[in-house]
Amino acid sequence: MVVKITSPHSIKRALNYNEQKVIKGMATCIAAEGFLLSLEKLNFYQKLDRFTDLISLNERSKKSNTLHISLNFDPRENIEKEKLLEIAKTYMTKIGFEKQPYLVYEHRDAGHPHIHIVTTNIQSNGKRIDTYNIGRNQSEKARKEIELVFGLIVAAKKTSKLQQRLSESVKRVSYGKSETRQSITNVLNLVIEQFKFTSLPELNAVLSQFNVVADRGAEGGRIFKNGGLTYRLLDENGNKVGVPIKASLIYSQPTLKNLQDKFATNGEKREPDKPKLKSAILFALAKKPTTLQEFTSILKKDNISTIIRQNDEGRLYGITFVDFRSKAVFKGSDLGKQFSIVNIQNAIAGKDIHKHNSIPDRAFEIAKESPSDPLVHSANKLLDKGAETGLNAVETTIAEIFSRSDINSSKIPFELIKKRKKRKKPNSHN
């Protein structure tokens, strides 16, 4: 079981999100705990009033008074309604919300079973239930206990595979084959949560893999001037199609302002992913591709997508790498001068890279396998400088890797293991 907890700015927005799913036949409200009327007699406004009456008791908690929780189960699970209700009730008790009113919705809009729970942390006495680190503390403990008690597939042992299965439910969107807003929302939920991007073009590099684009509009237009943002679908040729959806109308609020907050934090989060990506690019170049398309195909086999940008005249001016292994996105120039589109084109054309190509493929394999190795890290730092002396130093550094006892010496090229002859000191008596 995977738990996701968010704190929306509005209880109405969280409630409306789930109720709209019900109207569209994509969800069912299966429980209403702490309400005076039975579930079948409650309408939207009666549900909303129950929450807002409590929230009004604490005017200081205007922005942090709502909890929207989703409990996500492995796609192989087949859980009956009664069991879902027991799981929801047990979970709310274990996180200390058993006395709070809450609604439980069973959703059917993804490739795995899951329920959503909407509640407030404002109690009947007006005091606020502290939710600081609730995900890491109370919720994580509750998750593990529930998995054990109800015999669920354990997320702690299957996290990577489960996340992969959840991701598989998000495919490339085809215009006209699914509801536009819901399709875009599904893609955004996956991309914004999992990928590390630091700018709108980098975000679009990922979104384009799913036929979605974040659009600020024309530079002199009203949307652009007001800092607005819309999301649109793309056809197979990359052209915008369909009706644009305002970011503010999407539940997760992927507005330009909110994205800019993520840009800053993602910059630090993706740094550890840089060496591994650089090694993979160098390894692709070491295979001596003859065209840019061949180069991108080599990277694609390594689960790295390459987005090439060109102007109206067809001149290439940028390259972005989307590493699906680490979920990190980098412009070529952010990796170092050597990885800019111009230098990569030069490398493919065989210009100014004779030193680079003299490094044996086996050396690049080791660099690729051990990106965190101190010696490889030193080599990558030298490569960032893009200088000829840097490339010479890389050969020397990788030669040091080969000289280690844990490397199979039978595969080491003679040129890298032979020792340099010591120069004789001049005779001071002559």
Foldseek 3Di string as FASTA:
>chain_A
DDKDKDFALDLLLLLVVQVVCVVVVFKDWLAKPPAPDGPVPDDSVSSVCLQVVLQVLAPVPNRGWKMKMKDWAFLVDDDDSVRVVVLVCLLCVQLPNNNWIKIKMWGRLFSTTMIMIITTQRDPNRDGDDCVCSCVPSNVVSLVVSCVVVVGDDCVVCVVVRLVRRCVRQAQDAPPPDDWLVNVLSQCVNLVVQAQAQDQVQSQVSVVRNQKHKDQPDCPDPSVVVQWIWMFGAHPVRHTDDDTHTLCVRSVSPGSVVVNVRNVVSVVVCVVVLLLVVLQLLLLLLVLAQDPVSSQVSVVVVVKHKDWDDDPVRHTFWIKIQRPVRNYIDTLVVQAPCRGPVNVVCSSNVHPCPLSNVQDSVLSVVCNVCSPPPLSVQLSVLVRVVDPVSSVVNLLSSLVVQPDPVHDVVPDDPVSPDDDDDDDDDDPVD
